[in-house]
Amino acid sequence: MANPLICARKNSLPVVCVLFFLVCVSPARADRGTIAFSRGVDIFEPRQQAMIAWDGKEEILVLSTDMYASKPTSVLEVLPLPSRPEVAESDPEIFIKATRLINSKLGDERGADGSKSLGKGGSFKELPAGEIAFYDRIGVHSISVAHVLEPAEFTQWVRGYLIAQGVTGSLIPRVLTDSIEEYIREGFKWFVFDVINLSEAVKTNQAIQYRFKSKSLFYPLKISRTNKGRTQIQLLILTPELLNEFKGIPASQIDLAHQPLEITSAELRALNDEMDDMFEHRENMKLRIWNIYGDLASFDKDLIAKSRKRR
């Protein structure tokens, strides 16, 4: 029986005139675990944006957020990945450009316009359980990519890092260390630590691009259990063909916002030339929006999807 998520329109959406963003009903994150470095601080995220391109072997994940805090603080975000990522700044206009492209294909002409540092010296102490394979400052971001060397000791290594950055041990939620241990048991050996400074003013963070090898389209959800409240996640998905095998959250938990649209190599290159290169300038790529709803604490599986091979 054909999967309705892949083959049919589930929700009527005559016009797509919104940015591809993740609207959080409460101060929460849907893609990364977060920790405020100060007590009694609320973190707000009125907008998140995400685009995922997967060619069957590699994935390019672009993330950007608007954030602010009830008072100045540093915030740590933790992102698990299945392999070592290449990290770079991305074009923040990619989301607006992609929205306009979809609008044009759906017949709408209104567009989408309405719609802490890592310590002294920018580094931290390396312990035997892990190593820092990459560090860079990208705008407000202080990004480190950590490689797990000793799985049994890695969570203690993470705790040591957080404490070195000014987070007291009592502020580190047990659910975060439990989630990291769970990812390690599943074979994950790469974690991105992103530290940013927030104030009461809304700040749009630079769009960060992660490129990594992956046997499936992957988007982390379990790590978000550090946060509370219901959320709506909207993802812009780009693949050569439609996906019909879901090993993480079930397809029934994902709503297809509109019929998949075909885009050309030239159209994709106007959005992101590295994505076009990854797909080897292939024509008729499949572009669509997926919606995921639920309580953040309820996410016990990640988004893992691929195309079932036909014999």
C-alpha atoms as a PDB file:
ATOM      1  CA  MET A   1       0.000   0.000   0.000  1.00  0.00           C
ATOM      2  CA  ALA A   2       1.408   3.393  -0.959  1.00  0.00           C
ATOM      3  CA  ASN A   3       2.570   5.585   1.861  1.00  0.00           C
ATOM      4  CA  PRO A   4       0.275   8.637   1.974  1.00  0.00           C
ATOM      5  CA  LEU A   5       3.129  10.721   3.346  1.00  0.00           C
ATOM      6  CA  ILE A   6       5.115  10.162   0.189  1.00  0.00           C
ATOM      7  CA  CYS A   7       2.491   9.842  -2.517  1.00  0.00           C
ATOM      8  CA  ALA A   8      -0.446  12.117  -1.668  1.00  0.00           C
ATOM      9  CA  ARG A   9      -1.346  15.508  -0.320  1.00  0.00           C
ATOM     10  CA  LYS A  10      -2.217  15.173   3.356  1.00  0.00           C
ATOM     11  CA  ASN A  11      -2.995  18.795   4.156  1.00  0.00           C
ATOM     12  CA  SER A  12      -4.495  21.388   1.842  1.00  0.00           C
ATOM     13  CA  LEU A  13      -1.921  24.127   1.386  1.00  0.00           C
ATOM     14  CA  PRO A  14      -2.900  26.335  -1.557  1.00  0.00           C
ATOM     15  CA  VAL A  15      -0.244  28.896  -0.731  1.00  0.00           C
ATOM     16  CA  VAL A  16       3.082  28.522   1.035  1.00  0.00           C
ATOM     17  CA  CYS A  17       3.948  32.043   2.156  1.00  0.00           C
ATOM     18  CA  VAL A  18       5.980  31.292   5.291  1.00  0.00           C
ATOM     19  CA  LEU A  19       9.659  30.842   5.878  1.00  0.00           C
ATOM     20  CA  PHE A  20      10.886  27.355   6.548  1.00  0.00           C
ATOM     21  CA  PHE A  21      11.168  27.706  10.296  1.00  0.00           C
ATOM     22  CA  LEU A  22      10.619  25.644  13.405  1.00  0.00           C
ATOM     23  CA  VAL A  23       7.997  27.386  15.512  1.00  0.00           C
ATOM     24  CA  CYS A  24       8.449  26.543  19.162  1.00  0.00           C
ATOM     25  CA  VAL A  25       5.332  26.829  21.273  1.00  0.00           C
ATOM     26  CA  SER A  26       7.525  27.179  24.366  1.00  0.00           C
ATOM     27  CA  PRO A  27      11.124  28.350  24.882  1.00  0.00           C
ATOM     28  CA  ALA A  28      12.659  25.191  23.484  1.00  0.00           C
ATOM     29  CA  ARG A  29      14.801  23.711  20.727  1.00  0.00           C
ATOM     30  CA  ALA A  30      13.736  20.910  18.448  1.00  0.00           C
ATOM     31  CA  ASP A  31      17.083  19.973  16.966  1.00  0.00           C
ATOM     32  CA  ARG A  32      19.690  20.393  19.696  1.00  0.00           C
ATOM     33  CA  GLY A  33      19.970  20.050  23.447  1.00  0.00           C
ATOM     34  CA  THR A  34      20.575  23.359  25.214  1.00  0.00           C
ATOM     35  CA  ILE A  35      21.952  24.545  28.546  1.00  0.00           C
ATOM     36  CA  ALA A  36      21.945  28.128  29.844  1.00  0.00           C
ATOM     37  CA  PHE A  37      25.160  28.984  31.677  1.00  0.00           C
ATOM     38  CA  SER A  38      23.243  31.032  34.273  1.00  0.00           C
ATOM     39  CA  ARG A  39      20.498  30.149  36.713  1.00  0.00           C
ATOM     40  CA  GLY A  40      17.015  31.543  36.401  1.00  0.00           C
ATOM     41  CA  VAL A  41      17.346  32.443  32.718  1.00  0.00           C
ATOM     42  CA  ASP A  42      14.652  31.725  30.129  1.00  0.00           C
ATOM     43  CA  ILE A  43      15.771  31.152  26.555  1.00  0.00           C
ATOM     44  CA  PHE A  44      13.354  32.155  23.790  1.00  0.00           C
ATOM     45  CA  GLU A  45      13.500  31.107  20.162  1.00  0.00           C
ATOM     46  CA  PRO A  46      10.758  32.754  18.106  1.00  0.00           C
ATOM     47  CA  ARG A  47      12.094  31.295  14.857  1.00  0.00           C
ATOM     48  CA  GLN A  48      14.195  28.370  13.689  1.00  0.00           C
ATOM     49  CA  GLN A  49      15.033  27.489  10.106  1.00  0.00           C
ATOM     50  CA  ALA A  50      16.345  24.198   8.745  1.00  0.00           C
ATOM     51  CA  MET A  51      17.093  22.722   5.330  1.00  0.00           C
ATOM     52  CA  ILE A  52      18.240  19.134   4.745  1.00  0.00           C
ATOM     53  CA  ALA A  53      19.732  17.824   1.495  1.00  0.00           C
ATOM     54  CA  TRP A  54      20.647  14.113   1.282  1.00  0.00           C
ATOM     55  CA  ASP A  55      21.963  12.235  -1.753  1.00  0.00           C
ATOM     56  CA  GLY A  56      22.003   8.724  -0.285  1.00  0.00           C
ATOM     57  CA  LYS A  57      25.584   8.979   1.018  1.00  0.00           C
ATOM     58  CA  GLU A  58      26.064  12.507   2.331  1.00  0.00           C
ATOM     59  CA  GLU A  59      23.880  15.086   4.022  1.00  0.00           C
ATOM     60  CA  ILE A  60      24.048  18.864   4.122  1.00  0.00           C
ATOM     61  CA  LEU A  61      22.141  20.340   7.062  1.00  0.00           C
ATOM     62  CA  VAL A  62      21.701  24.125   7.269  1.00  0.00           C
ATOM     63  CA  LEU A  63      20.449  25.618  10.546  1.00  0.00           C
ATOM     64  CA  SER A  64      19.685  29.171  11.633  1.00  0.00           C
ATOM     65  CA  THR A  65      17.822  30.590  14.623  1.00  0.00           C
ATOM     66  CA  ASP A  66      16.488  33.783  16.155  1.00  0.00           C
ATOM     67  CA  MET A  67      17.143  33.747  19.901  1.00  0.00           C
ATOM     68  CA  TYR A  68      17.083  35.951  22.971  1.00  0.00           C
ATOM     69  CA  ALA A  69      17.235  35.504  26.754  1.00  0.00           C
ATOM     70  CA  SER A  70      15.449  36.976  29.750  1.00  0.00           C
ATOM     71  CA  LYS A  71      18.855  38.320  30.815  1.00  0.00           C
ATOM     72  CA  PRO A  72      22.376  38.123  29.336  1.00  0.00           C
ATOM     73  CA  THR A  73      23.822  34.639  29.379  1.00  0.00           C
ATOM     74  CA  SER A  74      25.858  32.154  27.394  1.00  0.00           C
ATOM     75  CA  VAL A  75      24.091  29.094  26.029  1.00  0.00           C
ATOM     76  CA  LEU A  76      25.505  25.736  24.994  1.00  0.00           C
ATOM     77  CA  GLU A  77      23.862  23.737  22.205  1.00  0.00           C
ATOM     78  CA  VAL A  78      24.719  20.062  21.616  1.00  0.00           C
ATOM     79  CA  LEU A  79      24.211  18.435  18.217  1.00  0.00           C
ATOM     80  CA  PRO A  80      24.935  14.696  17.683  1.00  0.00           C
ATOM     81  CA  LEU A  81      25.975  13.588  14.190  1.00  0.00           C
ATOM     82  CA  PRO A  82      26.649  10.148  12.676  1.00  0.00           C
ATOM     83  CA  SER A  83      30.062  11.115  11.223  1.00  0.00           C
ATOM     84  CA  ARG A  84      32.633  13.892  11.284  1.00  0.00           C
ATOM     85  CA  PRO A  85      31.094  17.067   9.844  1.00  0.00           C
ATOM     86  CA  GLU A  86      32.546  19.840   7.754  1.00  0.00           C
ATOM     87  CA  VAL A  87      31.317  23.066   9.348  1.00  0.00           C
ATOM     88  CA  ALA A  88      30.933  26.359   7.508  1.00  0.00           C
ATOM     89  CA  GLU A  89      28.851  29.502   7.414  1.00  0.00           C
ATOM     90  CA  SER A  90      25.918  29.328   5.019  1.00  0.00           C
ATOM     91  CA  ASP A  91      23.889  31.937   3.165  1.00  0.00           C
ATOM     92  CA  PRO A  92      21.114  33.114   5.518  1.00  0.00           C
ATOM     93  CA  GLU A  93      18.999  33.974   2.470  1.00  0.00           C
ATOM     94  CA  ILE A  94      18.733  30.308   1.482  1.00  0.00           C
ATOM     95  CA  PHE A  95      15.444  29.951   3.376  1.00  0.00           C
ATOM     96  CA  ILE A  96      13.830  32.993   1.748  1.00  0.00           C
ATOM     97  CA  LYS A  97      15.085  31.947  -1.683  1.00  0.00           C
ATOM     98  CA  ALA A  98      13.765  28.410  -1.215  1.00  0.00           C
ATOM     99  CA  THR A  99      10.399  29.734  -0.038  1.00  0.00           C
ATOM    100  CA  ARG A 100      10.093  31.966  -3.079  1.00  0.00           C
ATOM    101  CA  LEU A 101      10.985  29.033  -5.316  1.00  0.00           C
ATOM    102  CA  ILE A 102       8.241  26.876  -3.804  1.00  0.00           C
ATOM    103  CA  ASN A 103       5.769  29.752  -3.966  1.00  0.00           C
ATOM    104  CA  SER A 104       6.479  30.229  -7.652  1.00  0.00           C
ATOM    105  CA  LYS A 105       5.915  26.530  -8.329  1.00  0.00           C
ATOM    106  CA  LEU A 106       2.670  26.562  -6.344  1.00  0.00           C
ATOM    107  CA  GLY A 107       1.444  29.615  -8.194  1.00  0.00           C
ATOM    108  CA  ASP A 108       1.810  32.196  -5.426  1.00  0.00           C
ATOM    109  CA  GLU A 109       3.513  35.492  -6.256  1.00  0.00           C
ATOM    110  CA  ARG A 110       3.504  37.120  -2.851  1.00  0.00           C
ATOM    111  CA  GLY A 111       6.898  35.797  -1.784  1.00  0.00           C
ATOM    112  CA  ALA A 112       8.118  35.070   1.724  1.00  0.00           C
ATOM    113  CA  ASP A 113       8.880  38.539   3.027  1.00  0.00           C
ATOM    114  CA  GLY A 114       6.089  38.586   5.590  1.00  0.00           C
ATOM    115  CA  SER A 115       5.839  36.464   6.588  1.00  0.00           C
ATOM    116  CA  LYS A 116      30.521  32.563  25.036  1.00  0.00           C
ATOM    117  CA  SER A 117      33.296  32.054  23.802  1.00  0.00           C
ATOM    118  CA  LEU A 118      34.993  28.731  24.682  1.00  0.00           C
ATOM    119  CA  GLY A 119      37.123  30.229  27.419  1.00  0.00           C
ATOM    120  CA  LYS A 120      40.618  31.685  27.378  1.00  0.00           C
ATOM    121  CA  GLY A 121      42.334  31.164  24.079  1.00  0.00           C
ATOM    122  CA  GLY A 122      39.174  29.761  22.498  1.00  0.00           C
ATOM    123  CA  SER A 123      39.873  26.178  23.464  1.00  0.00           C
ATOM    124  CA  PHE A 124      39.217  23.786  26.304  1.00  0.00           C
ATOM    125  CA  LYS A 125      41.094  21.084  28.112  1.00  0.00           C
ATOM    126  CA  GLU A 126      41.343  17.828  26.202  1.00  0.00           C
ATOM    127  CA  LEU A 127      40.730  14.730  28.253  1.00  0.00           C
ATOM    128  CA  PRO A 128      41.507  11.133  27.203  1.00  0.00           C
ATOM    129  CA  ALA A 129      37.856  10.261  26.558  1.00  0.00           C
ATOM    130  CA  GLY A 130      37.582  12.700  23.636  1.00  0.00           C
ATOM    131  CA  GLU A 131      39.398  15.073  21.388  1.00  0.00           C
ATOM    132  CA  ILE A 132      38.568  18.299  19.589  1.00  0.00           C
ATOM    133  CA  ALA A 133      38.766  17.677  15.869  1.00  0.00           C
ATOM    134  CA  PHE A 134      37.642  21.177  14.826  1.00  0.00           C
ATOM    135  CA  TYR A 135      37.224  24.611  16.373  1.00  0.00           C
ATOM    136  CA  ASP A 136      36.181  27.894  14.811  1.00  0.00           C
ATOM    137  CA  ARG A 137      34.353  31.113  15.576  1.00  0.00           C
ATOM    138  CA  ILE A 138      31.610  31.897  13.062  1.00  0.00           C
ATOM    139  CA  GLY A 139      30.007  35.199  13.989  1.00  0.00           C
ATOM    140  CA  VAL A 140      28.431  34.750  17.412  1.00  0.00           C
ATOM    141  CA  HIS A 141      29.094  31.001  17.341  1.00  0.00           C
ATOM    142  CA  SER A 142      32.019  29.260  19.055  1.00  0.00           C
ATOM    143  CA  ILE A 143      31.856  25.827  17.459  1.00  0.00           C
ATOM    144  CA  SER A 144      33.817  22.752  18.506  1.00  0.00           C
ATOM    145  CA  VAL A 145      33.479  19.295  16.989  1.00  0.00           C
ATOM    146  CA  ALA A 146      34.247  16.597  19.564  1.00  0.00           C
ATOM    147  CA  HIS A 147      35.287  13.058  18.669  1.00  0.00           C
ATOM    148  CA  VAL A 148      34.493  10.249  21.111  1.00  0.00           C
ATOM    149  CA  LEU A 149      37.602   8.191  21.936  1.00  0.00           C
ATOM    150  CA  GLU A 150      36.464   6.323  25.038  1.00  0.00           C
ATOM    151  CA  PRO A 151      32.670   5.899  25.047  1.00  0.00           C
ATOM    152  CA  ALA A 152      32.502   4.790  28.689  1.00  0.00           C
ATOM    153  CA  GLU A 153      34.131   8.016  29.867  1.00  0.00           C
ATOM    154  CA  PHE A 154      32.874  10.521  27.319  1.00  0.00           C
ATOM    155  CA  THR A 155      29.937  11.886  29.330  1.00  0.00           C
ATOM    156  CA  GLN A 156      32.318  12.682  32.192  1.00  0.00           C
ATOM    157  CA  TRP A 157      34.522  14.430  29.648  1.00  0.00           C
ATOM    158  CA  VAL A 158      31.520  16.483  28.559  1.00  0.00           C
ATOM    159  CA  ARG A 159      30.742  17.383  32.175  1.00  0.00           C
ATOM    160  CA  GLY A 160      34.333  18.500  32.652  1.00  0.00           C
ATOM    161  CA  TYR A 161      34.094  20.683  29.577  1.00  0.00           C
ATOM    162  CA  LEU A 162      30.852  22.301  30.718  1.00  0.00           C
ATOM    163  CA  ILE A 163      32.195  23.007  34.187  1.00  0.00           C
ATOM    164  CA  ALA A 164      35.340  24.519  32.629  1.00  0.00           C
ATOM    165  CA  GLN A 165      33.073  26.865  30.660  1.00  0.00           C
ATOM    166  CA  GLY A 166      31.271  28.065  33.777  1.00  0.00           C
ATOM    167  CA  VAL A 167      28.320  25.695  33.989  1.00  0.00           C
ATOM    168  CA  THR A 168      28.072  24.303  37.488  1.00  0.00           C
ATOM    169  CA  GLY A 169      27.525  20.574  37.811  1.00  0.00           C
ATOM    170  CA  SER A 170      24.027  21.067  39.211  1.00  0.00           C
ATOM    171  CA  LEU A 171      22.954  22.892  36.029  1.00  0.00           C
ATOM    172  CA  ILE A 172      23.768  19.960  33.767  1.00  0.00           C
ATOM    173  CA  PRO A 173      20.487  18.072  33.246  1.00  0.00           C
ATOM    174  CA  ARG A 174      20.622  14.313  33.656  1.00  0.00           C
ATOM    175  CA  VAL A 175      18.536  13.906  30.514  1.00  0.00           C
ATOM    176  CA  LEU A 176      21.360  15.488  28.478  1.00  0.00           C
ATOM    177  CA  THR A 177      24.032  13.080  29.684  1.00  0.00           C
ATOM    178  CA  ASP A 178      21.571  10.194  29.313  1.00  0.00           C
ATOM    179  CA  SER A 179      20.865  11.252  25.739  1.00  0.00           C
ATOM    180  CA  ILE A 180      24.566  11.507  24.910  1.00  0.00           C
ATOM    181  CA  GLU A 181      25.158   8.028  26.358  1.00  0.00           C
ATOM    182  CA  GLU A 182      22.252   6.711  24.280  1.00  0.00           C
ATOM    183  CA  TYR A 183      23.701   8.172  21.084  1.00  0.00           C
ATOM    184  CA  ILE A 184      27.092   6.659  21.899  1.00  0.00           C
ATOM    185  CA  ARG A 185      25.519   3.221  22.382  1.00  0.00           C
ATOM    186  CA  GLU A 186      23.982   3.610  18.943  1.00  0.00           C
ATOM    187  CA  GLY A 187      27.414   4.244  17.431  1.00  0.00           C
ATOM    188  CA  PHE A 188      27.521   8.029  17.315  1.00  0.00           C
ATOM    189  CA  LYS A 189      31.058   9.344  17.846  1.00  0.00           C
ATOM    190  CA  TRP A 190      30.720  12.978  16.816  1.00  0.00           C
ATOM    191  CA  PHE A 191      29.126  15.849  18.743  1.00  0.00           C
ATOM    192  CA  VAL A 192      29.030  19.541  17.879  1.00  0.00           C
ATOM    193  CA  PHE A 193      29.215  22.004  20.788  1.00  0.00           C
ATOM    194  CA  ASP A 194      28.042  25.501  19.891  1.00  0.00           C
ATOM    195  CA  VAL A 195      28.374  28.294  22.469  1.00  0.00           C
ATOM    196  CA  ILE A 196      26.686  31.650  21.855  1.00  0.00           C
ATOM    197  CA  ASN A 197      26.105  34.780  23.944  1.00  0.00           C
ATOM    198  CA  LEU A 198      22.544  36.035  24.261  1.00  0.00           C
ATOM    199  CA  SER A 199      20.932  39.213  25.567  1.00  0.00           C
ATOM    200  CA  GLU A 200      17.391  40.530  25.868  1.00  0.00           C
ATOM    201  CA  ALA A 201      17.503  41.677  22.242  1.00  0.00           C
ATOM    202  CA  VAL A 202      16.484  39.217  19.524  1.00  0.00           C
ATOM    203  CA  LYS A 203      19.541  38.022  17.628  1.00  0.00           C
ATOM    204  CA  THR A 204      19.485  36.186  14.314  1.00  0.00           C
ATOM    205  CA  ASN A 205      22.333  33.712  14.384  1.00  0.00           C
ATOM    206  CA  GLN A 206      24.316  33.007  11.268  1.00  0.00           C
ATOM    207  CA  ALA A 207      23.148  30.062   9.220  1.00  0.00           C
ATOM    208  CA  ILE A 208      25.566  27.203   9.922  1.00  0.00           C
ATOM    209  CA  GLN A 209      26.061  24.388   7.424  1.00  0.00           C
ATOM    210  CA  TYR A 210      27.049  20.868   8.462  1.00  0.00           C
ATOM    211  CA  ARG A 211      28.087  18.377   5.789  1.00  0.00           C
ATOM    212  CA  PHE A 212      28.638  14.768   6.837  1.00  0.00           C
ATOM    213  CA  LYS A 213      28.415  11.219   5.585  1.00  0.00           C
ATOM    214  CA  SER A 214      25.178   9.444   6.434  1.00  0.00           C
ATOM    215  CA  LYS A 215      23.513   6.273   5.188  1.00  0.00           C
ATOM    216  CA  SER A 216      20.108   7.822   5.891  1.00  0.00           C
ATOM    217  CA  LEU A 217      18.584  11.260   5.980  1.00  0.00           C
ATOM    218  CA  PHE A 218      19.142  12.226   9.611  1.00  0.00           C
ATOM    219  CA  TYR A 219      17.743  14.892  11.912  1.00  0.00           C
ATOM    220  CA  PRO A 220      18.292  14.612  15.698  1.00  0.00           C
ATOM    221  CA  LEU A 221      15.199  14.813  17.870  1.00  0.00           C
ATOM    222  CA  LYS A 222      16.045  12.795  21.000  1.00  0.00           C
ATOM    223  CA  ILE A 223      18.610  15.346  22.123  1.00  0.00           C
ATOM    224  CA  SER A 224      15.765  17.877  22.399  1.00  0.00           C
ATOM    225  CA  ARG A 225      14.453  16.089  25.493  1.00  0.00           C
ATOM    226  CA  THR A 226      16.503  18.572  27.537  1.00  0.00           C
ATOM    227  CA  ASN A 227      13.679  21.024  26.783  1.00  0.00           C
ATOM    228  CA  LYS A 228      10.007  21.050  27.682  1.00  0.00           C
ATOM    229  CA  GLY A 229       6.765  21.979  25.954  1.00  0.00           C
ATOM    230  CA  ARG A 230       5.025  21.198  22.695  1.00  0.00           C
ATOM    231  CA  THR A 231       6.610  22.133  19.411  1.00  0.00           C
ATOM    232  CA  GLN A 232       5.961  22.256  15.688  1.00  0.00           C
ATOM    233  CA  ILE A 233       8.942  21.371  13.517  1.00  0.00           C
ATOM    234  CA  GLN A 234       8.968  22.336   9.847  1.00  0.00           C
ATOM    235  CA  LEU A 235      11.789  20.965   7.695  1.00  0.00           C
ATOM    236  CA  LEU A 236      12.652  21.696   4.096  1.00  0.00           C
ATOM    237  CA  ILE A 237      13.638  18.310   2.606  1.00  0.00           C
ATOM    238  CA  LEU A 238      15.586  17.862  -0.650  1.00  0.00           C
ATOM    239  CA  THR A 239      16.439  14.426  -2.083  1.00  0.00           C
ATOM    240  CA  PRO A 240      16.869  12.830  -5.534  1.00  0.00           C
ATOM    241  CA  GLU A 241      13.856  10.587  -4.948  1.00  0.00           C
ATOM    242  CA  LEU A 242      11.042  10.243  -2.432  1.00  0.00           C
ATOM    243  CA  LEU A 243      11.725   8.450   0.835  1.00  0.00           C
ATOM    244  CA  ASN A 244       9.639   5.496   1.993  1.00  0.00           C
ATOM    245  CA  GLU A 245      11.582   3.756   4.773  1.00  0.00           C
ATOM    246  CA  PHE A 246      11.500   5.331   8.222  1.00  0.00           C
ATOM    247  CA  LYS A 247      13.593   3.661  10.930  1.00  0.00           C
ATOM    248  CA  GLY A 248      13.286   6.399  13.535  1.00  0.00           C
ATOM    249  CA  ILE A 249      10.013   8.193  14.133  1.00  0.00           C
ATOM    250  CA  PRO A 250       7.264   6.591  12.025  1.00  0.00           C
ATOM    251  CA  ALA A 251       6.033   8.157   8.810  1.00  0.00           C
ATOM    252  CA  SER A 252       2.618   8.528  10.440  1.00  0.00           C
ATOM    253  CA  GLN A 253       4.138  11.156  12.761  1.00  0.00           C
ATOM    254  CA  ILE A 254       5.168  13.334   9.802  1.00  0.00           C
ATOM    255  CA  ASP A 255       2.756  15.535   7.839  1.00  0.00           C
ATOM    256  CA  LEU A 256       3.461  16.399   4.226  1.00  0.00           C
ATOM    257  CA  ALA A 257       2.645  20.093   3.803  1.00  0.00           C
ATOM    258  CA  HIS A 258       2.297  19.974   0.018  1.00  0.00           C
ATOM    259  CA  GLN A 259       2.933  17.714  -2.927  1.00  0.00           C
ATOM    260  CA  PRO A 260       6.674  17.171  -3.572  1.00  0.00           C
ATOM    261  CA  LEU A 261       7.954  19.591  -6.208  1.00  0.00           C
ATOM    262  CA  GLU A 262      10.655  19.005  -8.791  1.00  0.00           C
ATOM    263  CA  ILE A 263      13.480  21.531  -9.049  1.00  0.00           C
ATOM    264  CA  THR A 264      16.276  21.729 -11.566  1.00  0.00           C
ATOM    265  CA  SER A 265      20.024  21.857 -11.075  1.00  0.00           C
ATOM    266  CA  ALA A 266      20.015  25.552 -11.994  1.00  0.00           C
ATOM    267  CA  GLU A 267      17.294  26.290  -9.422  1.00  0.00           C
ATOM    268  CA  LEU A 268      19.189  24.412  -6.728  1.00  0.00           C
ATOM    269  CA  ARG A 269      22.450  26.136  -7.597  1.00  0.00           C
ATOM    270  CA  ALA A 270      20.752  29.469  -7.007  1.00  0.00           C
ATOM    271  CA  LEU A 271      19.958  28.242  -3.485  1.00  0.00           C
ATOM    272  CA  ASN A 272      23.202  26.447  -2.559  1.00  0.00           C
ATOM    273  CA  ASP A 273      25.961  25.576  -5.014  1.00  0.00           C
ATOM    274  CA  GLU A 274      27.487  22.981  -2.671  1.00  0.00           C
ATOM    275  CA  MET A 275      24.207  21.084  -2.597  1.00  0.00           C
ATOM    276  CA  ASP A 276      24.081  21.172  -6.381  1.00  0.00           C
ATOM    277  CA  ASP A 277      27.664  19.865  -6.546  1.00  0.00           C
ATOM    278  CA  MET A 278      26.817  17.098  -4.062  1.00  0.00           C
ATOM    279  CA  PHE A 279      23.929  15.989  -6.286  1.00  0.00           C
ATOM    280  CA  GLU A 280      26.234  16.210  -9.348  1.00  0.00           C
ATOM    281  CA  HIS A 281      23.945  18.727 -11.042  1.00  0.00           C
ATOM    282  CA  ARG A 282      21.106  16.238 -11.199  1.00  0.00           C
ATOM    283  CA  GLU A 283      17.772  17.423 -12.576  1.00  0.00           C
ATOM    284  CA  ASN A 284      14.306  16.859 -11.109  1.00  0.00           C
ATOM    285  CA  MET A 285      15.283  16.913  -7.431  1.00  0.00           C
ATOM    286  CA  LYS A 286      12.385  16.403  -4.991  1.00  0.00           C
ATOM    287  CA  LEU A 287      11.638  19.351  -2.705  1.00  0.00           C
ATOM    288  CA  ARG A 288       8.970  19.374   0.029  1.00  0.00           C
ATOM    289  CA  ILE A 289       8.118  20.482   3.567  1.00  0.00           C
ATOM    290  CA  TRP A 290       7.678  18.022   6.428  1.00  0.00           C
ATOM    291  CA  ASN A 291       5.881  18.970   9.649  1.00  0.00           C
ATOM    292  CA  ILE A 292       6.481  17.149  12.937  1.00  0.00           C
ATOM    293  CA  TYR A 293       4.410  17.932  16.034  1.00  0.00           C
ATOM    294  CA  GLY A 294       4.647  16.794  19.634  1.00  0.00           C
ATOM    295  CA  ASP A 295       5.923  17.287  23.143  1.00  0.00           C
ATOM    296  CA  LEU A 296       9.707  17.670  23.151  1.00  0.00           C
ATOM    297  CA  ALA A 297      10.028  15.329  26.125  1.00  0.00           C
ATOM    298  CA  SER A 298       8.223  12.624  24.125  1.00  0.00           C
ATOM    299  CA  PHE A 299      10.775  12.375  21.314  1.00  0.00           C
ATOM    300  CA  ASP A 300      12.504   9.053  21.928  1.00  0.00           C
ATOM    301  CA  LYS A 301      13.558   8.531  18.310  1.00  0.00           C
ATOM    302  CA  ASP A 302      15.301  10.640  15.665  1.00  0.00           C
ATOM    303  CA  LEU A 303      14.202  11.340  12.106  1.00  0.00           C
ATOM    304  CA  ILE A 304      15.904   8.603  10.046  1.00  0.00           C
ATOM    305  CA  ALA A 305      14.652   8.015   6.504  1.00  0.00           C
ATOM    306  CA  LYS A 306      15.794   6.627   3.178  1.00  0.00           C
ATOM    307  CA  SER A 307      14.515   5.081  -0.031  1.00  0.00           C
ATOM    308  CA  ARG A 308      13.735   1.375   0.042  1.00  0.00           C
ATOM    309  CA  LYS A 309      15.712  -0.371  -2.672  1.00  0.00           C
ATOM    310  CA  ARG A 310      13.580  -1.996  -5.322  1.00  0.00           C
ATOM    311  CA  ARG A 311      14.559  -5.377  -6.721  1.00  0.00           C
END
